[in-house]
C-alpha atoms as a PDB file:
ATOM      1  CA  MET A   1     110.643  95.791 -94.836  1.00  0.00           C
ATOM      2  CA  PRO A   2     113.230  95.638 -91.999  1.00  0.00           C
ATOM      3  CA  SER A   3     116.557  94.138 -92.860  1.00  0.00           C
ATOM      4  CA  ASN A   4     117.944  90.940 -91.290  1.00  0.00           C
ATOM      5  CA  GLN A   5     120.409  93.057 -89.323  1.00  0.00           C
ATOM      6  CA  GLU A   6     117.567  95.179 -87.919  1.00  0.00           C
ATOM      7  CA  LEU A   7     115.620  92.023 -86.932  1.00  0.00           C
ATOM      8  CA  LYS A   8     118.625  90.629 -85.076  1.00  0.00           C
ATOM      9  CA  LYS A   9     119.031  93.876 -83.192  1.00  0.00           C
ATOM     10  CA  GLY A  10     115.338  93.783 -82.116  1.00  0.00           C
ATOM     11  CA  GLU A  11     115.521  90.162 -80.969  1.00  0.00           C
ATOM     12  CA  LYS A  12     118.121  90.858 -78.255  1.00  0.00           C
ATOM     13  CA  PRO A  13     115.870  92.847 -75.882  1.00  0.00           C
ATOM     14  CA  ILE A  14     113.019  90.364 -76.449  1.00  0.00           C
ATOM     15  CA  ARG A  15     115.298  87.448 -75.570  1.00  0.00           C
ATOM     16  CA  THR A  16     116.560  89.311 -72.543  1.00  0.00           C
ATOM     17  CA  ILE A  17     113.014  89.988 -71.314  1.00  0.00           C
ATOM     18  CA  THR A  18     111.972  86.380 -71.941  1.00  0.00           C
ATOM     19  CA  ILE A  19     114.966  85.018 -70.084  1.00  0.00           C
ATOM     20  CA  ALA A  20     114.294  87.419 -67.223  1.00  0.00           C
ATOM     21  CA  ILE A  21     110.677  86.294 -67.050  1.00  0.00           C
ATOM     22  CA  VAL A  22     111.675  82.620 -67.142  1.00  0.00           C
ATOM     23  CA  LEU A  23     114.275  83.203 -64.439  1.00  0.00           C
ATOM     24  CA  ALA A  24     111.765  85.124 -62.337  1.00  0.00           C
ATOM     25  CA  ILE A  25     109.215  82.327 -62.683  1.00  0.00           C
ATOM     26  CA  ALA A  26     111.845  79.700 -61.941  1.00  0.00           C
ATOM     27  CA  GLY A  27     113.030  81.740 -58.996  1.00  0.00           C
ATOM     28  CA  GLY A  28     109.472  82.061 -57.720  1.00  0.00           C
ATOM     29  CA  ILE A  29     108.867  78.342 -58.098  1.00  0.00           C
ATOM     30  CA  ALA A  30     112.169  77.588 -56.405  1.00  0.00           C
ATOM     31  CA  ALA A  31     111.359  79.986 -53.577  1.00  0.00           C
ATOM     32  CA  PHE A  32     107.894  78.438 -53.189  1.00  0.00           C
ATOM     33  CA  ALA A  33     109.374  74.939 -53.242  1.00  0.00           C
ATOM     34  CA  VAL A  34     111.883  75.911 -50.575  1.00  0.00           C
ATOM     35  CA  GLN A  35     109.091  77.436 -48.485  1.00  0.00           C
ATOM     36  CA  THR A  36     106.803  74.394 -48.732  1.00  0.00           C
ATOM     37  CA  PHE A  37     109.617  71.979 -47.999  1.00  0.00           C
ATOM     38  CA  THR A  38     111.154  74.018 -45.181  1.00  0.00           C
ATOM     39  CA  SER A  39     107.971  75.391 -43.570  1.00  0.00           C
ATOM     40  CA  LYS A  40     107.349  73.069 -40.631  1.00  0.00           C
ATOM     41  CA  SER A  41     104.242  72.550 -38.553  1.00  0.00           C
ATOM     42  CA  PRO A  42     104.881  74.102 -35.119  1.00  0.00           C
ATOM     43  CA  ALA A  43     102.753  71.472 -33.371  1.00  0.00           C
ATOM     44  CA  ARG A  44     101.061  68.134 -33.770  1.00  0.00           C
ATOM     45  CA  ALA A  45      97.510  68.563 -34.967  1.00  0.00           C
ATOM     46  CA  VAL A  46      94.584  66.341 -35.872  1.00  0.00           C
ATOM     47  CA  ILE A  47      92.654  68.120 -38.602  1.00  0.00           C
ATOM     48  CA  ILE A  48      89.013  67.200 -39.148  1.00  0.00           C
ATOM     49  CA  VAL A  49      87.733  67.507 -42.702  1.00  0.00           C
ATOM     50  CA  PRO A  50      83.911  67.516 -42.418  1.00  0.00           C
ATOM     51  CA  GLU A  51      81.407  66.256 -44.955  1.00  0.00           C
ATOM     52  CA  ASN A  52      80.719  68.888 -47.629  1.00  0.00           C
ATOM     53  CA  GLY A  53      83.515  71.088 -46.285  1.00  0.00           C
ATOM     54  CA  ASP A  54      85.219  73.773 -48.340  1.00  0.00           C
ATOM     55  CA  LYS A  55      88.791  75.020 -48.652  1.00  0.00           C
ATOM     56  CA  ALA A  56      88.142  78.065 -46.493  1.00  0.00           C
ATOM     57  CA  GLN A  57      87.027  75.859 -43.584  1.00  0.00           C
ATOM     58  CA  LEU A  58      90.072  73.680 -44.000  1.00  0.00           C
ATOM     59  CA  ALA A  59      92.408  76.657 -44.124  1.00  0.00           C
ATOM     60  CA  ASP A  60      90.839  77.988 -40.912  1.00  0.00           C
ATOM     61  CA  SER A  61      91.266  74.613 -39.208  1.00  0.00           C
ATOM     62  CA  LEU A  62      94.916  74.396 -40.262  1.00  0.00           C
ATOM     63  CA  GLU A  63      95.588  77.900 -39.001  1.00  0.00           C
ATOM     64  CA  LYS A  64      93.823  77.230 -35.705  1.00  0.00           C
ATOM     65  CA  HIS A  65      95.834  74.090 -34.952  1.00  0.00           C
ATOM     66  CA  THR A  66      99.192  75.162 -36.429  1.00  0.00           C
ATOM     67  CA  ASP A  67      99.765  78.784 -37.516  1.00  0.00           C
ATOM     68  CA  SER A  68      98.878  81.112 -40.390  1.00  0.00           C
ATOM     69  CA  ARG A  69     102.161  80.683 -42.273  1.00  0.00           C
ATOM     70  CA  PHE A  70     102.047  76.892 -42.262  1.00  0.00           C
ATOM     71  CA  ALA A  71      98.340  76.887 -43.157  1.00  0.00           C
ATOM     72  CA  SER A  72      98.883  79.280 -46.071  1.00  0.00           C
ATOM     73  CA  ARG A  73     101.779  77.293 -47.501  1.00  0.00           C
ATOM     74  CA  THR A  74      99.965  73.999 -47.114  1.00  0.00           C
ATOM     75  CA  MET A  75      96.972  75.378 -49.007  1.00  0.00           C
ATOM     76  CA  ARG A  76      99.218  76.823 -51.733  1.00  0.00           C
ATOM     77  CA  ALA A  77     100.916  73.455 -52.124  1.00  0.00           C
ATOM     78  CA  ALA A  78      97.534  71.748 -52.353  1.00  0.00           C
ATOM     79  CA  ASN A  79      96.361  74.172 -55.019  1.00  0.00           C
ATOM     80  CA  LEU A  80      99.538  73.607 -57.002  1.00  0.00           C
ATOM     81  CA  MET A  81      98.914  69.852 -56.846  1.00  0.00           C
ATOM     82  CA  MET A  82      95.281  70.543 -57.816  1.00  0.00           C
ATOM     83  CA  SER A  83      94.307  68.510 -54.745  1.00  0.00           C
ATOM     84  CA  ALA A  84      90.664  68.465 -53.691  1.00  0.00           C
ATOM     85  CA  PHE A  85      91.374  67.202 -50.207  1.00  0.00           C
ATOM     86  CA  HIS A  86      88.544  69.298 -48.791  1.00  0.00           C
ATOM     87  CA  LEU A  87      86.314  66.706 -50.475  1.00  0.00           C
ATOM     88  CA  ARG A  88      87.927  63.831 -48.527  1.00  0.00           C
ATOM     89  CA  PRO A  89      86.139  63.808 -45.143  1.00  0.00           C
ATOM     90  CA  GLY A  90      88.027  62.301 -42.251  1.00  0.00           C
ATOM     91  CA  ALA A  91      90.615  62.973 -39.565  1.00  0.00           C
ATOM     92  CA  TYR A  92      94.221  63.634 -40.537  1.00  0.00           C
ATOM     93  CA  GLU A  93      97.273  63.810 -38.303  1.00  0.00           C
ATOM     94  CA  ILE A  94      99.897  66.447 -39.033  1.00  0.00           C
ATOM     95  CA  ARG A  95     103.045  65.737 -37.074  1.00  0.00           C
ATOM     96  CA  GLN A  96     105.066  68.446 -35.386  1.00  0.00           C
ATOM     97  CA  GLY A  97     107.859  69.414 -37.780  1.00  0.00           C
ATOM     98  CA  GLN A  98     106.076  68.011 -40.855  1.00  0.00           C
ATOM     99  CA  SER A  99     106.567  70.144 -43.977  1.00  0.00           C
ATOM    100  CA  ALA A 100     103.730  71.994 -45.664  1.00  0.00           C
ATOM    101  CA  PHE A 101     104.339  69.980 -48.842  1.00  0.00           C
ATOM    102  CA  SER A 102     104.167  66.692 -46.960  1.00  0.00           C
ATOM    103  CA  ALA A 103     100.991  67.792 -45.155  1.00  0.00           C
ATOM    104  CA  ALA A 104      99.326  68.760 -48.433  1.00  0.00           C
ATOM    105  CA  ARG A 105     100.258  65.425 -49.972  1.00  0.00           C
ATOM    106  CA  LEU A 106      98.989  63.545 -46.901  1.00  0.00           C
ATOM    107  CA  LEU A 107      95.643  65.312 -47.083  1.00  0.00           C
ATOM    108  CA  GLY A 108      95.436  65.028 -50.852  1.00  0.00           C
ATOM    109  CA  ARG A 109      95.912  61.272 -50.786  1.00  0.00           C
ATOM    110  CA  GLY A 110      93.312  60.768 -48.091  1.00  0.00           C
ATOM    111  CA  ARG A 111      95.715  59.120 -45.657  1.00  0.00           C
ATOM    112  CA  GLN A 112      93.505  59.310 -42.619  1.00  0.00           C
ATOM    113  CA  TYR A 113      94.565  59.300 -39.020  1.00  0.00           C
ATOM    114  CA  ILE A 114      93.770  56.003 -37.293  1.00  0.00           C
ATOM    115  CA  VAL A 115      91.923  56.501 -34.010  1.00  0.00           C
ATOM    116  CA  ASP A 116      92.829  54.178 -31.144  1.00  0.00           C
ATOM    117  CA  MET A 117      89.683  52.867 -29.482  1.00  0.00           C
ATOM    118  CA  PRO A 118      90.418  50.917 -26.298  1.00  0.00           C
ATOM    119  CA  LEU A 119      87.284  49.070 -25.245  1.00  0.00           C
ATOM    120  CA  ASN A 120      87.555  47.755 -21.713  1.00  0.00           C
ATOM    121  CA  ASN A 121      86.038  48.471 -18.317  1.00  0.00           C
ATOM    122  CA  ILE A 122      82.775  49.356 -20.054  1.00  0.00           C
ATOM    123  CA  ARG A 123      79.563  48.156 -18.452  1.00  0.00           C
ATOM    124  CA  THR A 124      76.607  49.533 -20.414  1.00  0.00           C
ATOM    125  CA  ARG A 125      75.847  50.083 -24.066  1.00  0.00           C
ATOM    126  CA  GLU A 126      75.181  53.748 -23.267  1.00  0.00           C
ATOM    127  CA  GLU A 127      78.695  54.042 -21.870  1.00  0.00           C
ATOM    128  CA  LEU A 128      80.037  52.299 -24.972  1.00  0.00           C
ATOM    129  CA  ALA A 129      78.131  54.609 -27.319  1.00  0.00           C
ATOM    130  CA  GLU A 130      79.288  57.659 -25.365  1.00  0.00           C
ATOM    131  CA  LYS A 131      82.936  56.651 -25.680  1.00  0.00           C
ATOM    132  CA  ALA A 132      82.682  55.794 -29.372  1.00  0.00           C
ATOM    133  CA  SER A 133      80.908  59.055 -30.250  1.00  0.00           C
ATOM    134  CA  SER A 134      83.519  61.077 -28.345  1.00  0.00           C
ATOM    135  CA  ARG A 135      86.293  59.721 -30.578  1.00  0.00           C
ATOM    136  CA  LEU A 136      84.532  59.065 -33.875  1.00  0.00           C
ATOM    137  CA  ARG A 137      82.178  60.945 -36.161  1.00  0.00           C
ATOM    138  CA  LEU A 138      79.233  58.648 -35.472  1.00  0.00           C
ATOM    139  CA  SER A 139      76.647  59.797 -32.955  1.00  0.00           C
ATOM    140  CA  LYS A 140      75.649  58.038 -29.769  1.00  0.00           C
ATOM    141  CA  LYS A 141      72.135  57.515 -31.134  1.00  0.00           C
ATOM    142  CA  GLU A 142      73.403  55.933 -34.353  1.00  0.00           C
ATOM    143  CA  LEU A 143      75.355  53.284 -32.464  1.00  0.00           C
ATOM    144  CA  LEU A 144      72.563  52.588 -29.964  1.00  0.00           C
ATOM    145  CA  ASP A 145      70.070  52.230 -32.825  1.00  0.00           C
ATOM    146  CA  ALA A 146      72.389  49.813 -34.630  1.00  0.00           C
ATOM    147  CA  LEU A 147      72.824  47.664 -31.519  1.00  0.00           C
ATOM    148  CA  SER A 148      69.039  47.567 -31.102  1.00  0.00           C
ATOM    149  CA  ASP A 149      68.503  46.325 -34.652  1.00  0.00           C
ATOM    150  CA  PRO A 150      68.108  42.505 -34.941  1.00  0.00           C
ATOM    151  CA  ALA A 151      69.564  42.658 -38.446  1.00  0.00           C
ATOM    152  CA  THR A 152      72.821  43.963 -36.954  1.00  0.00           C
ATOM    153  CA  THR A 153      73.231  41.247 -34.337  1.00  0.00           C
ATOM    154  CA  LYS A 154      71.840  38.243 -36.228  1.00  0.00           C
ATOM    155  CA  PRO A 155      74.991  37.571 -38.344  1.00  0.00           C
ATOM    156  CA  TYR A 156      76.868  36.915 -35.088  1.00  0.00           C
ATOM    157  CA  GLY A 157      74.245  34.641 -33.553  1.00  0.00           C
ATOM    158  CA  LEU A 158      73.229  37.378 -31.120  1.00  0.00           C
ATOM    159  CA  THR A 159      70.141  39.437 -30.334  1.00  0.00           C
ATOM    160  CA  PRO A 160      69.692  43.094 -29.348  1.00  0.00           C
ATOM    161  CA  GLU A 161      69.320  41.915 -25.735  1.00  0.00           C
ATOM    162  CA  ASN A 162      72.779  40.293 -25.612  1.00  0.00           C
ATOM    163  CA  ALA A 163      74.435  42.532 -28.217  1.00  0.00           C
ATOM    164  CA  MET A 164      77.158  43.539 -25.756  1.00  0.00           C
ATOM    165  CA  ALA A 165      78.501  39.970 -25.968  1.00  0.00           C
ATOM    166  CA  LEU A 166      79.809  40.997 -29.386  1.00  0.00           C
ATOM    167  CA  PHE A 167      82.421  43.208 -27.756  1.00  0.00           C
ATOM    168  CA  ILE A 168      85.687  41.677 -26.575  1.00  0.00           C
ATOM    169  CA  ALA A 169      87.947  43.872 -24.439  1.00  0.00           C
ATOM    170  CA  ASP A 170      90.757  45.007 -26.724  1.00  0.00           C
ATOM    171  CA  ASN A 171      92.282  48.035 -28.424  1.00  0.00           C
ATOM    172  CA  TYR A 172      90.648  48.675 -31.794  1.00  0.00           C
ATOM    173  CA  GLU A 173      91.896  50.917 -34.611  1.00  0.00           C
ATOM    174  CA  LEU A 174      89.296  52.829 -36.589  1.00  0.00           C
ATOM    175  CA  TYR A 175      89.030  55.754 -38.965  1.00  0.00           C
ATOM    176  CA  TRP A 176      87.359  58.845 -37.546  1.00  0.00           C
ATOM    177  CA  ASN A 177      84.593  58.782 -40.162  1.00  0.00           C
ATOM    178  CA  THR A 178      83.694  55.153 -39.448  1.00  0.00           C
ATOM    179  CA  SER A 179      79.916  54.682 -39.528  1.00  0.00           C
ATOM    180  CA  ALA A 180      77.943  52.748 -36.909  1.00  0.00           C
ATOM    181  CA  GLU A 181      77.622  49.816 -39.327  1.00  0.00           C
ATOM    182  CA  GLU A 182      81.358  49.852 -40.075  1.00  0.00           C
ATOM    183  CA  PHE A 183      82.137  50.108 -36.361  1.00  0.00           C
ATOM    184  CA  ILE A 184      80.081  47.002 -35.568  1.00  0.00           C
ATOM    185  CA  LYS A 185      81.558  45.170 -38.552  1.00  0.00           C
ATOM    186  CA  LYS A 186      85.072  45.861 -37.236  1.00  0.00           C
ATOM    187  CA  ILE A 187      84.097  44.621 -33.785  1.00  0.00           C
ATOM    188  CA  GLY A 188      82.347  41.643 -35.369  1.00  0.00           C
ATOM    189  CA  GLU A 189      85.501  40.613 -37.218  1.00  0.00           C
ATOM    190  CA  ARG A 190      87.347  40.477 -33.897  1.00  0.00           C
ATOM    191  CA  TYR A 191      84.463  38.497 -32.369  1.00  0.00           C
ATOM    192  CA  LYS A 192      84.556  35.902 -35.152  1.00  0.00           C
ATOM    193  CA  ARG A 193      88.327  35.528 -34.905  1.00  0.00           C
ATOM    194  CA  PHE A 194      88.105  35.065 -31.157  1.00  0.00           C
ATOM    195  CA  TRP A 195      85.236  32.596 -31.242  1.00  0.00           C
ATOM    196  CA  ASN A 196      87.045  30.065 -33.399  1.00  0.00           C
ATOM    197  CA  ALA A 197      86.124  26.380 -33.676  1.00  0.00           C
ATOM    198  CA  LYS A 198      88.131  25.413 -30.592  1.00  0.00           C
ATOM    199  CA  ARG A 199      86.508  27.967 -28.285  1.00  0.00           C
ATOM    200  CA  LYS A 200      83.042  27.189 -29.627  1.00  0.00           C
ATOM    201  CA  SER A 201      83.681  23.513 -28.931  1.00  0.00           C
ATOM    202  CA  GLN A 202      84.853  24.297 -25.388  1.00  0.00           C
ATOM    203  CA  ALA A 203      81.717  26.370 -24.799  1.00  0.00           C
ATOM    204  CA  ALA A 204      79.528  23.552 -26.132  1.00  0.00           C
ATOM    205  CA  ASP A 205      81.253  21.112 -23.755  1.00  0.00           C
ATOM    206  CA  LEU A 206      80.077  23.371 -20.917  1.00  0.00           C
ATOM    207  CA  GLY A 207      76.563  23.354 -22.360  1.00  0.00           C
ATOM    208  CA  LEU A 208      76.794  27.047 -23.215  1.00  0.00           C
ATOM    209  CA  THR A 209      76.725  29.330 -26.233  1.00  0.00           C
ATOM    210  CA  PRO A 210      79.478  31.942 -26.741  1.00  0.00           C
ATOM    211  CA  ALA A 211      77.027  34.645 -25.587  1.00  0.00           C
ATOM    212  CA  GLN A 212      76.259  32.724 -22.376  1.00  0.00           C
ATOM    213  CA  VAL A 213      79.975  32.277 -21.706  1.00  0.00           C
ATOM    214  CA  ALA A 214      80.406  36.041 -22.113  1.00  0.00           C
ATOM    215  CA  VAL A 215      77.590  36.701 -19.624  1.00  0.00           C
ATOM    216  CA  ILE A 216      79.131  34.495 -16.925  1.00  0.00           C
ATOM    217  CA  ALA A 217      82.630  35.849 -17.612  1.00  0.00           C
ATOM    218  CA  SER A 218      81.323  39.404 -17.266  1.00  0.00           C
ATOM    219  CA  ILE A 219      79.988  38.590 -13.798  1.00  0.00           C
ATOM    220  CA  ALA A 220      83.340  37.100 -12.793  1.00  0.00           C
ATOM    221  CA  ASP A 221      85.118  40.226 -14.069  1.00  0.00           C
ATOM    222  CA  GLU A 222      82.901  42.318 -11.802  1.00  0.00           C
ATOM    223  CA  GLU A 223      83.279  39.971  -8.847  1.00  0.00           C
ATOM    224  CA  SER A 224      87.067  39.911  -8.725  1.00  0.00           C
ATOM    225  CA  SER A 225      90.193  41.664  -9.924  1.00  0.00           C
ATOM    226  CA  LYS A 226      92.224  38.491  -9.349  1.00  0.00           C
ATOM    227  CA  ALA A 227      92.810  36.775 -12.673  1.00  0.00           C
ATOM    228  CA  ASP A 228      93.817  33.499 -11.035  1.00  0.00           C
ATOM    229  CA  GLU A 229      90.397  32.933  -9.481  1.00  0.00           C
ATOM    230  CA  LYS A 230      88.089  34.151 -12.233  1.00  0.00           C
ATOM    231  CA  GLY A 231      87.833  30.748 -13.894  1.00  0.00           C
ATOM    232  CA  ARG A 232      86.758  29.260 -10.578  1.00  0.00           C
ATOM    233  CA  ILE A 233      84.130  31.975 -10.072  1.00  0.00           C
ATOM    234  CA  CYS A 234      82.737  31.196 -13.530  1.00  0.00           C
ATOM    235  CA  ARG A 235      82.561  27.509 -12.597  1.00  0.00           C
ATOM    236  CA  LEU A 236      80.660  28.340  -9.425  1.00  0.00           C
ATOM    237  CA  TYR A 237      77.970  30.170 -11.366  1.00  0.00           C
ATOM    238  CA  LEU A 238      77.844  27.361 -13.914  1.00  0.00           C
ATOM    239  CA  ASN A 239      77.300  24.895 -11.046  1.00  0.00           C
ATOM    240  CA  ARG A 240      74.433  26.995  -9.716  1.00  0.00           C
ATOM    241  CA  LEU A 241      72.941  27.264 -13.187  1.00  0.00           C
ATOM    242  CA  LYS A 242      73.038  23.498 -13.705  1.00  0.00           C
ATOM    243  CA  LYS A 243      71.437  22.870 -10.302  1.00  0.00           C
ATOM    244  CA  GLY A 244      68.592  25.239 -11.114  1.00  0.00           C
ATOM    245  CA  MET A 245      69.682  27.671  -8.394  1.00  0.00           C
ATOM    246  CA  ARG A 246      69.483  31.418  -8.783  1.00  0.00           C
ATOM    247  CA  LEU A 247      72.884  32.926  -9.431  1.00  0.00           C
ATOM    248  CA  GLN A 248      72.457  35.521  -6.662  1.00  0.00           C
ATOM    249  CA  ALA A 249      75.384  37.586  -7.941  1.00  0.00           C
ATOM    250  CA  ASP A 250      75.756  40.994  -6.299  1.00  0.00           C
ATOM    251  CA  PRO A 251      77.243  42.656  -9.422  1.00  0.00           C
ATOM    252  CA  THR A 252      74.050  41.918 -11.369  1.00  0.00           C
ATOM    253  CA  VAL A 253      72.058  43.837  -8.738  1.00  0.00           C
ATOM    254  CA  LYS A 254      74.329  46.856  -9.096  1.00  0.00           C
ATOM    255  CA  PHE A 255      73.953  46.636 -12.871  1.00  0.00           C
ATOM    256  CA  ALA A 256      70.176  46.414 -12.572  1.00  0.00           C
ATOM    257  CA  LEU A 257      70.126  49.509 -10.364  1.00  0.00           C
ATOM    258  CA  GLY A 258      72.660  51.328 -12.540  1.00  0.00           C
ATOM    259  CA  ASP A 259      74.614  52.185  -9.401  1.00  0.00           C
ATOM    260  CA  PHE A 260      78.144  50.814  -9.435  1.00  0.00           C
ATOM    261  CA  SER A 261      79.196  52.756  -6.357  1.00  0.00           C
ATOM    262  CA  ILE A 262      77.296  50.401  -4.029  1.00  0.00           C
ATOM    263  CA  LYS A 263      79.754  48.773  -1.641  1.00  0.00           C
ATOM    264  CA  ARG A 264      77.351  46.661   0.351  1.00  0.00           C
ATOM    265  CA  VAL A 265      74.262  45.135  -1.261  1.00  0.00           C
ATOM    266  CA  ASN A 266      71.294  45.150   1.159  1.00  0.00           C
ATOM    267  CA  LYS A 267      67.707  43.885   1.206  1.00  0.00           C
ATOM    268  CA  THR A 268      66.379  47.048  -0.423  1.00  0.00           C
ATOM    269  CA  HIS A 269      68.721  46.545  -3.359  1.00  0.00           C
ATOM    270  CA  LEU A 270      67.802  42.853  -3.626  1.00  0.00           C
ATOM    271  CA  ALA A 271      64.106  43.703  -3.915  1.00  0.00           C
ATOM    272  CA  PHE A 272      64.596  45.733  -7.104  1.00  0.00           C
ATOM    273  CA  GLY A 273      62.677  44.231 -10.001  1.00  0.00           C
ATOM    274  CA  SER A 274      64.823  43.655 -13.081  1.00  0.00           C
ATOM    275  CA  PRO A 275      65.718  40.717 -15.340  1.00  0.00           C
ATOM    276  CA  TYR A 276      69.314  41.528 -14.396  1.00  0.00           C
ATOM    277  CA  ASN A 277      68.669  41.058 -10.665  1.00  0.00           C
ATOM    278  CA  THR A 278      69.738  37.423 -10.305  1.00  0.00           C
ATOM    279  CA  TYR A 279      68.454  37.312  -6.733  1.00  0.00           C
ATOM    280  CA  ARG A 280      64.911  37.568  -8.092  1.00  0.00           C
ATOM    281  CA  THR A 281      65.150  36.004 -11.548  1.00  0.00           C
ATOM    282  CA  GLU A 282      66.259  32.517 -12.486  1.00  0.00           C
ATOM    283  CA  GLY A 283      68.901  31.683 -15.032  1.00  0.00           C
ATOM    284  CA  LEU A 284      71.346  34.047 -16.655  1.00  0.00           C
ATOM    285  CA  PRO A 285      70.697  37.772 -17.063  1.00  0.00           C
ATOM    286  CA  PRO A 286      69.718  38.809 -20.621  1.00  0.00           C
ATOM    287  CA  GLY A 287      73.218  39.965 -21.533  1.00  0.00           C
ATOM    288  CA  PRO A 288      76.710  40.677 -20.186  1.00  0.00           C
ATOM    289  CA  ILE A 289      77.026  43.221 -17.399  1.00  0.00           C
ATOM    290  CA  ARG A 290      80.288  44.502 -18.858  1.00  0.00           C
ATOM    291  CA  ILE A 291      82.582  43.949 -21.829  1.00  0.00           C
ATOM    292  CA  SER A 292      84.342  40.709 -20.986  1.00  0.00           C
ATOM    293  CA  ASP A 293      88.079  40.261 -20.800  1.00  0.00           C
ATOM    294  CA  PRO A 294      89.190  37.585 -23.312  1.00  0.00           C
ATOM    295  CA  LYS A 295      91.536  36.197 -20.654  1.00  0.00           C
ATOM    296  CA  THR A 296      88.580  35.622 -18.348  1.00  0.00           C
ATOM    297  CA  ILE A 297      86.677  33.819 -21.103  1.00  0.00           C
ATOM    298  CA  ASP A 298      89.686  31.590 -21.781  1.00  0.00           C
ATOM    299  CA  SER A 299      90.138  31.003 -18.064  1.00  0.00           C
ATOM    300  CA  PHE A 300      86.519  29.834 -17.888  1.00  0.00           C
ATOM    301  CA  LEU A 301      86.726  27.649 -20.994  1.00  0.00           C
ATOM    302  CA  GLY A 302      89.894  25.988 -19.750  1.00  0.00           C
ATOM    303  CA  SER A 303      88.858  25.626 -16.107  1.00  0.00           C
ATOM    304  CA  ALA A 304      88.549  22.347 -14.261  1.00  0.00           C
ATOM    305  CA  PRO A 305      85.200  21.227 -12.814  1.00  0.00           C
ATOM    306  CA  THR A 306      84.542  22.118  -9.167  1.00  0.00           C
ATOM    307  CA  SER A 307      81.864  21.420  -6.573  1.00  0.00           C
ATOM    308  CA  ASP A 308      81.753  25.091  -5.489  1.00  0.00           C
ATOM    309  CA  ILE A 309      78.323  26.528  -4.839  1.00  0.00           C
ATOM    310  CA  TYR A 310      79.105  29.383  -2.461  1.00  0.00           C
ATOM    311  CA  MET A 311      81.741  32.068  -2.255  1.00  0.00           C
ATOM    312  CA  CYS A 312      82.410  35.010  -0.005  1.00  0.00           C
ATOM    313  CA  ALA A 313      84.986  37.771  -0.077  1.00  0.00           C
ATOM    314  CA  ARG A 314      87.772  37.066   2.391  1.00  0.00           C
ATOM    315  CA  ALA A 315      87.743  39.054   5.611  1.00  0.00           C
ATOM    316  CA  ASP A 316      91.380  40.035   5.069  1.00  0.00           C
ATOM    317  CA  PHE A 317      90.276  42.254   2.135  1.00  0.00           C
ATOM    318  CA  SER A 318      92.942  40.669  -0.054  1.00  0.00           C
ATOM    319  CA  GLY A 319      90.527  40.718  -2.964  1.00  0.00           C
ATOM    320  CA  TYR A 320      90.298  36.932  -3.003  1.00  0.00           C
ATOM    321  CA  HIS A 321      87.300  34.771  -2.133  1.00  0.00           C
ATOM    322  CA  ASP A 322      86.616  31.709   0.002  1.00  0.00           C
ATOM    323  CA  PHE A 323      84.855  28.938  -1.954  1.00  0.00           C
ATOM    324  CA  THR A 324      82.868  26.017  -0.622  1.00  0.00           C
ATOM    325  CA  ALA A 325      80.093  23.537  -1.400  1.00  0.00           C
ATOM    326  CA  ASP A 326      78.970  23.484   2.240  1.00  0.00           C
ATOM    327  CA  TYR A 327      76.352  26.011   3.298  1.00  0.00           C
ATOM    328  CA  ALA A 328      77.334  26.007   6.998  1.00  0.00           C
ATOM    329  CA  GLU A 329      80.932  26.726   6.069  1.00  0.00           C
ATOM    330  CA  HIS A 330      79.764  29.509   3.771  1.00  0.00           C
ATOM    331  CA  GLN A 331      77.731  31.048   6.594  1.00  0.00           C
ATOM    332  CA  ALA A 332      80.806  31.103   8.808  1.00  0.00           C
ATOM    333  CA  ASN A 333      82.832  32.775   6.049  1.00  0.00           C
ATOM    334  CA  ALA A 334      80.065  35.318   5.497  1.00  0.00           C
ATOM    335  CA  ARG A 335      79.835  36.173   9.214  1.00  0.00           C
ATOM    336  CA  ARG A 336      83.553  36.913   9.373  1.00  0.00           C
ATOM    337  CA  TYR A 337      83.326  39.165   6.369  1.00  0.00           C
ATOM    338  CA  GLN A 338      80.190  40.970   7.607  1.00  0.00           C
ATOM    339  CA  GLU A 339      81.791  41.562  10.999  1.00  0.00           C
ATOM    340  CA  LYS A 340      84.808  43.087   9.281  1.00  0.00           C
ATOM    341  CA  LEU A 341      82.561  45.391   7.237  1.00  0.00           C
ATOM    342  CA  ASN A 342      80.798  46.460  10.423  1.00  0.00           C
ATOM    343  CA  GLN A 343      84.119  47.157  12.138  1.00  0.00           C
ATOM    344  CA  MET A 344      85.141  49.360   9.252  1.00  0.00           C
ATOM    345  CA  LYS A 345      81.698  50.988   9.170  1.00  0.00           C
ATOM    346  CA  ILE A 346      81.202  50.161   5.507  1.00  0.00           C
ATOM    347  CA  LYS A 347      77.558  50.507   4.533  1.00  0.00           C
END
C-alpha cells in the first residue's frame, strides 16, 4: 500500500493536468465568447427560415447574405444555446454590425422581421395579390381564393364582388409568414377601426353603405389628383345616382377594359360590355375601382350638398374640373376641352 507521502507526490501532476484542462476549456470558452460577441455581420440581411427547414439550409442562407465566418459563429452560438431556430419559420433581419451572439439570440427567440406593406395606388385584386405575394410567404392564389370566399367577406358586411372595399390605403405591418386569412384579418381590423359609429352614421345620412361610399370615393380618386375637389366629385356622382342617371364615369370604363393607359375615352371604349362600364349599366359598379384613400372618404362624408350633375376637365390642364348643373354650360366646357385635346393631338 502506498504511503501518504507517495500519494501526495502523485496528486501534484494530476492537479496540474486538471488545472491545465480547466484553463484550456475556460480559455476556449472565453475565446469563443469573444468571437461571438466581436464577430459582426458585414451587411444587413433578411434571412428566410422556411417551413421544415434544417440547420444546413439556415447556415447556407447566413453565409450567402453575410459571410462564412459570421455564419459559422452564429451557428456555433445557436448550438451552444441549444436553440432550434431552424424550426421557427419566418423572416429575420440581421443588422449590419450585429454580433453573431445577438443574431443567434434573435433567431432563437423567434423575433421576426416586420414587413412594411404599403397599400395604395392599387386598382385590381390581382394587382393587390401580386404585391402581397412578392413581400410575404402567401401565394397570389391563396389571397385571391380568400377574397372570393363569402365566409371571408361576410364578417365585414361585404361580398366577394365588393371585397376590395375592405382595403383602406395605408401602410400595414405584417410578418413574412402571415397567411391569407391572417392578412385579411389584419386589414379587417383597420377597416373596422376606420368605419366607426360616426362614419357609418355619416354614410347612412347619404343613403349609402360603407362599401358604396368606398366605390364612389374610388371613382373620385381616379378622376382627380386634387384633394380639394374630390369631395365635390363624390357629391356629383351621388346626385346622379339619386336622380336615376347613369354615372357615366370614364375611369370605370378604363377599369372595365383593364387598360389604364387610355387618355381619351371614345365610342368604341364606351360600347364595351361590363358591369363596371357605367355608361352602359345603371347604378354603382359592383365594387371599388381602386383602393380608396381614407382622406377622400372623409372628404365625401363631410362634404356639403351640391346641385352638380356635370363636370369636365379644365382646358388649362391644371388637373381641376369645371362643375355645373346646366347641360348647355357643360357642353361649352366640354367643347373647350376637346378642342385643346385636338390641338395637342391627344388620342
